[in-house]
Amino acid sequence: MEYKLTDVELADLADFFKVFGDPTRLRVLSFLLEQGESGVGRIADALSMSQSAISQQLKVLRQSRLVRFRKDGRNVIYRLSDDHIRRILELGIEHYYELFL
């Protein structure tokens, strides 16, 4: 398949991949990959970070459409937005292990 992306589309794609370039965001995404749906408190506890710090990262991930959320009463539950994001993470992890381990 041939892709002919415009300059605007290339810039958007670069911005998409930049979101994956932050270790904290990758930790959050990896946690959601492994655990599925989870609330901010559970993510914060698992990653030994403050809820505020996790919320800030989740905001970026939401804006980039990498995660989705639903409300469960007063709780907000997050998950990976779709199978594409799961596959990108899995391929990245697989590639890392092939190169470095």
N, C-alpha and C. Protein backbone atom coordinates (compact mmCIF):
# COMPACT_ATOMS: atom_id res chain seq x y z
N MET A 1 0.85 -1.17 0.00
CA MET A 1 0.00 0.00 0.00
C MET A 1 0.89 1.24 0.00
N GLU A 2 0.59 2.17 -0.85
CA GLU A 2 1.36 3.39 -0.97
C GLU A 2 0.65 4.53 -0.24
N TYR A 3 1.42 5.29 0.52
CA TYR A 3 0.86 6.42 1.25
C TYR A 3 1.51 7.70 0.75
N LYS A 4 0.69 8.62 0.32
CA LYS A 4 1.17 9.94 -0.08
C LYS A 4 0.54 10.95 0.86
N LEU A 5 1.27 11.28 1.91
CA LEU A 5 0.76 12.19 2.92
C LEU A 5 1.14 13.62 2.59
N THR A 6 0.22 14.53 2.87
CA THR A 6 0.50 15.95 2.70
C THR A 6 1.39 16.41 3.84
N ASP A 7 1.93 17.60 3.74
CA ASP A 7 2.76 18.15 4.81
C ASP A 7 1.97 18.27 6.11
N VAL A 8 0.71 18.66 6.00
CA VAL A 8 -0.14 18.79 7.19
C VAL A 8 -0.36 17.42 7.83
N GLU A 9 -0.63 16.41 6.99
CA GLU A 9 -0.83 15.06 7.52
C GLU A 9 0.44 14.52 8.16
N LEU A 10 1.60 14.79 7.57
CA LEU A 10 2.87 14.37 8.16
C LEU A 10 3.10 15.05 9.51
N ALA A 11 2.76 16.32 9.60
CA ALA A 11 2.91 17.04 10.86
C ALA A 11 1.98 16.45 11.93
N ASP A 12 0.75 16.13 11.53
CA ASP A 12 -0.19 15.50 12.47
C ASP A 12 0.32 14.14 12.93
N LEU A 13 0.87 13.37 12.01
CA LEU A 13 1.40 12.05 12.35
C LEU A 13 2.61 12.18 13.29
N ALA A 14 3.46 13.17 13.04
CA ALA A 14 4.60 13.42 13.92
C ALA A 14 4.12 13.77 15.33
N ASP A 15 3.09 14.61 15.42
CA ASP A 15 2.53 14.96 16.73
C ASP A 15 1.96 13.73 17.43
N PHE A 16 1.32 12.85 16.67
CA PHE A 16 0.79 11.61 17.22
C PHE A 16 1.91 10.80 17.86
N PHE A 17 3.02 10.63 17.16
CA PHE A 17 4.12 9.83 17.69
C PHE A 17 4.86 10.53 18.82
N LYS A 18 4.85 11.85 18.86
CA LYS A 18 5.49 12.57 19.96
C LYS A 18 4.87 12.22 21.30
N VAL A 19 3.58 11.96 21.30
CA VAL A 19 2.90 11.61 22.55
C VAL A 19 3.49 10.34 23.15
N PHE A 20 3.93 9.42 22.30
CA PHE A 20 4.54 8.18 22.76
C PHE A 20 5.96 8.40 23.29
N GLY A 21 6.53 9.57 23.07
CA GLY A 21 7.91 9.85 23.44
C GLY A 21 8.14 10.21 24.89
N ASP A 22 7.10 10.25 25.68
CA ASP A 22 7.24 10.60 27.10
C ASP A 22 7.16 9.33 27.94
N PRO A 23 8.20 9.06 28.76
CA PRO A 23 8.20 7.82 29.56
C PRO A 23 7.00 7.68 30.50
N THR A 24 6.55 8.77 31.09
CA THR A 24 5.41 8.68 32.00
C THR A 24 4.14 8.30 31.24
N ARG A 25 3.94 8.91 30.09
CA ARG A 25 2.77 8.54 29.30
C ARG A 25 2.85 7.09 28.84
N LEU A 26 4.05 6.65 28.49
CA LEU A 26 4.21 5.24 28.11
C LEU A 26 3.93 4.31 29.28
N ARG A 27 4.29 4.72 30.48
CA ARG A 27 3.98 3.91 31.67
C ARG A 27 2.47 3.79 31.84
N VAL A 28 1.76 4.89 31.67
CA VAL A 28 0.30 4.88 31.79
C VAL A 28 -0.31 4.00 30.70
N LEU A 29 0.14 4.18 29.47
CA LEU A 29 -0.38 3.37 28.37
C LEU A 29 -0.08 1.89 28.57
N SER A 30 1.12 1.58 29.02
CA SER A 30 1.49 0.18 29.28
C SER A 30 0.63 -0.42 30.38
N PHE A 31 0.36 0.37 31.41
CA PHE A 31 -0.51 -0.11 32.49
C PHE A 31 -1.90 -0.43 31.95
N LEU A 32 -2.45 0.47 31.14
CA LEU A 32 -3.77 0.24 30.57
C LEU A 32 -3.76 -0.93 29.60
N LEU A 33 -2.66 -1.12 28.90
CA LEU A 33 -2.52 -2.27 28.01
C LEU A 33 -2.60 -3.57 28.81
N GLU A 34 -1.91 -3.60 29.94
CA GLU A 34 -1.87 -4.81 30.77
C GLU A 34 -3.14 -5.02 31.58
N GLN A 35 -3.67 -3.95 32.15
CA GLN A 35 -4.77 -4.06 33.10
C GLN A 35 -6.15 -3.79 32.52
N GLY A 36 -6.21 -3.21 31.35
CA GLY A 36 -7.51 -2.84 30.79
C GLY A 36 -8.00 -1.55 31.43
N GLU A 37 -9.28 -1.47 31.67
CA GLU A 37 -9.86 -0.25 32.25
C GLU A 37 -9.36 -0.02 33.67
N SER A 38 -9.19 1.27 33.98
CA SER A 38 -8.73 1.60 35.33
C SER A 38 -9.00 3.06 35.63
N GLY A 39 -9.18 3.35 36.90
CA GLY A 39 -9.37 4.72 37.35
C GLY A 39 -8.05 5.39 37.67
N VAL A 40 -8.09 6.70 37.82
CA VAL A 40 -6.88 7.49 38.08
C VAL A 40 -6.18 7.01 39.35
N GLY A 41 -6.94 6.78 40.42
CA GLY A 41 -6.33 6.37 41.68
C GLY A 41 -5.58 5.06 41.56
N ARG A 42 -6.15 4.11 40.88
CA ARG A 42 -5.50 2.81 40.71
C ARG A 42 -4.23 2.94 39.87
N ILE A 43 -4.30 3.75 38.81
CA ILE A 43 -3.12 3.98 37.97
C ILE A 43 -2.03 4.65 38.81
N ALA A 44 -2.41 5.68 39.55
CA ALA A 44 -1.45 6.41 40.38
C ALA A 44 -0.79 5.49 41.40
N ASP A 45 -1.58 4.67 42.06
CA ASP A 45 -1.02 3.73 43.04
C ASP A 45 -0.05 2.75 42.38
N ALA A 46 -0.46 2.20 41.25
CA ALA A 46 0.37 1.20 40.57
C ALA A 46 1.69 1.79 40.08
N LEU A 47 1.66 3.05 39.67
CA LEU A 47 2.86 3.69 39.14
C LEU A 47 3.60 4.52 40.17
N SER A 48 3.11 4.50 41.42
CA SER A 48 3.72 5.27 42.52
C SER A 48 3.86 6.74 42.15
N MET A 49 2.77 7.30 41.68
CA MET A 49 2.74 8.70 41.30
C MET A 49 1.50 9.35 41.91
N SER A 50 1.47 10.68 41.91
CA SER A 50 0.31 11.37 42.44
C SER A 50 -0.84 11.30 41.44
N GLN A 51 -2.05 11.39 41.96
CA GLN A 51 -3.22 11.41 41.09
C GLN A 51 -3.19 12.63 40.16
N SER A 52 -2.68 13.73 40.67
CA SER A 52 -2.59 14.94 39.87
C SER A 52 -1.66 14.72 38.67
N ALA A 53 -0.52 14.11 38.89
CA ALA A 53 0.43 13.85 37.80
C ALA A 53 -0.17 12.91 36.77
N ILE A 54 -0.87 11.89 37.24
CA ILE A 54 -1.51 10.94 36.32
C ILE A 54 -2.62 11.64 35.54
N SER A 55 -3.41 12.46 36.22
CA SER A 55 -4.48 13.19 35.55
C SER A 55 -3.94 14.09 34.44
N GLN A 56 -2.80 14.73 34.69
CA GLN A 56 -2.20 15.59 33.66
C GLN A 56 -1.80 14.78 32.44
N GLN A 57 -1.23 13.61 32.67
CA GLN A 57 -0.83 12.77 31.54
C GLN A 57 -2.04 12.21 30.80
N LEU A 58 -3.06 11.83 31.55
CA LEU A 58 -4.28 11.32 30.93
C LEU A 58 -4.95 12.39 30.08
N LYS A 59 -4.85 13.64 30.49
CA LYS A 59 -5.41 14.73 29.70
C LYS A 59 -4.74 14.80 28.33
N VAL A 60 -3.42 14.70 28.31
CA VAL A 60 -2.68 14.71 27.05
C VAL A 60 -3.07 13.49 26.20
N LEU A 61 -3.17 12.34 26.84
CA LEU A 61 -3.54 11.12 26.13
C LEU A 61 -4.96 11.19 25.58
N ARG A 62 -5.87 11.81 26.33
CA ARG A 62 -7.24 12.01 25.84
C ARG A 62 -7.26 12.95 24.65
N GLN A 63 -6.55 14.06 24.77
CA GLN A 63 -6.52 15.05 23.69
C GLN A 63 -5.92 14.46 22.41
N SER A 64 -5.01 13.52 22.58
CA SER A 64 -4.39 12.85 21.43
C SER A 64 -5.18 11.64 20.96
N ARG A 65 -6.28 11.38 21.65
CA ARG A 65 -7.19 10.28 21.32
C ARG A 65 -6.56 8.90 21.47
N LEU A 66 -5.61 8.79 22.41
CA LEU A 66 -5.00 7.50 22.69
C LEU A 66 -5.75 6.74 23.78
N VAL A 67 -6.46 7.47 24.62
CA VAL A 67 -7.29 6.84 25.64
C VAL A 67 -8.70 7.41 25.56
N ARG A 68 -9.64 6.63 26.05
CA ARG A 68 -11.04 7.06 26.19
C ARG A 68 -11.41 6.89 27.65
N PHE A 69 -12.50 7.50 28.01
CA PHE A 69 -12.95 7.36 29.39
C PHE A 69 -14.46 7.22 29.43
N ARG A 70 -14.91 6.70 30.54
CA ARG A 70 -16.34 6.63 30.83
C ARG A 70 -16.50 6.94 32.30
N LYS A 71 -17.66 7.45 32.63
CA LYS A 71 -17.93 7.76 34.03
C LYS A 71 -18.69 6.61 34.66
N ASP A 72 -18.28 6.28 35.86
CA ASP A 72 -18.93 5.25 36.66
C ASP A 72 -19.26 5.90 38.00
N GLY A 73 -20.43 6.54 38.05
CA GLY A 73 -20.76 7.34 39.23
C GLY A 73 -19.84 8.55 39.28
N ARG A 74 -19.11 8.68 40.38
CA ARG A 74 -18.16 9.79 40.52
C ARG A 74 -16.78 9.45 39.96
N ASN A 75 -16.58 8.20 39.62
CA ASN A 75 -15.28 7.76 39.12
C ASN A 75 -15.20 7.89 37.60
N VAL A 76 -14.00 8.18 37.13
CA VAL A 76 -13.72 8.22 35.70
C VAL A 76 -12.81 7.04 35.40
N ILE A 77 -13.23 6.20 34.48
CA ILE A 77 -12.51 4.98 34.14
C ILE A 77 -11.89 5.15 32.75
N TYR A 78 -10.59 4.88 32.65
CA TYR A 78 -9.87 5.06 31.40
C TYR A 78 -9.52 3.72 30.78
N ARG A 79 -9.38 3.74 29.45
CA ARG A 79 -8.95 2.56 28.70
C ARG A 79 -8.26 3.04 27.42
N LEU A 80 -7.52 2.16 26.77
CA LEU A 80 -6.96 2.50 25.47
C LEU A 80 -8.09 2.77 24.51
N SER A 81 -7.89 3.70 23.62
CA SER A 81 -9.01 4.14 22.77
C SER A 81 -9.46 3.07 21.78
N ASP A 82 -8.55 2.27 21.27
CA ASP A 82 -8.96 1.24 20.31
C ASP A 82 -7.85 0.24 20.09
N ASP A 83 -8.13 -0.72 19.23
CA ASP A 83 -7.18 -1.79 18.95
C ASP A 83 -5.92 -1.29 18.27
N HIS A 84 -6.01 -0.21 17.51
CA HIS A 84 -4.81 0.34 16.86
C HIS A 84 -3.77 0.75 17.90
N ILE A 85 -4.21 1.41 18.95
CA ILE A 85 -3.28 1.86 19.99
C ILE A 85 -2.67 0.65 20.69
N ARG A 86 -3.49 -0.34 20.97
CA ARG A 86 -2.97 -1.57 21.59
C ARG A 86 -1.90 -2.19 20.71
N ARG A 87 -2.16 -2.28 19.42
CA ARG A 87 -1.21 -2.90 18.50
C ARG A 87 0.07 -2.08 18.37
N ILE A 88 -0.04 -0.75 18.33
CA ILE A 88 1.14 0.10 18.27
C ILE A 88 2.02 -0.14 19.49
N LEU A 89 1.41 -0.17 20.66
CA LEU A 89 2.17 -0.43 21.90
C LEU A 89 2.81 -1.81 21.87
N GLU A 90 2.04 -2.82 21.50
CA GLU A 90 2.57 -4.19 21.47
C GLU A 90 3.72 -4.31 20.47
N LEU A 91 3.58 -3.70 19.30
CA LEU A 91 4.66 -3.75 18.31
C LEU A 91 5.89 -3.01 18.79
N GLY A 92 5.69 -1.88 19.44
CA GLY A 92 6.82 -1.13 19.99
C GLY A 92 7.57 -1.93 21.04
N ILE A 93 6.84 -2.58 21.93
CA ILE A 93 7.45 -3.40 22.97
C ILE A 93 8.18 -4.59 22.35
N GLU A 94 7.53 -5.25 21.40
CA GLU A 94 8.14 -6.39 20.72
C GLU A 94 9.44 -5.97 20.01
N HIS A 95 9.39 -4.85 19.33
CA HIS A 95 10.58 -4.35 18.62
C HIS A 95 11.69 -4.02 19.61
N TYR A 96 11.35 -3.40 20.72
CA TYR A 96 12.34 -3.08 21.75
C TYR A 96 13.05 -4.35 22.22
N TYR A 97 12.28 -5.39 22.53
CA TYR A 97 12.88 -6.64 23.00
C TYR A 97 13.77 -7.27 21.94
N GLU A 98 13.39 -7.19 20.69
CA GLU A 98 14.22 -7.74 19.62
C GLU A 98 15.55 -6.99 19.49
N LEU A 99 15.50 -5.68 19.69
CA LEU A 99 16.71 -4.87 19.53
C LEU A 99 17.63 -4.91 20.76
N PHE A 100 17.05 -4.88 21.94
CA PHE A 100 17.85 -4.62 23.12
C PHE A 100 17.94 -5.76 24.13
N LEU A 101 17.18 -6.80 23.97
CA LEU A 101 17.25 -7.90 24.95
C LEU A 101 17.58 -9.22 24.30
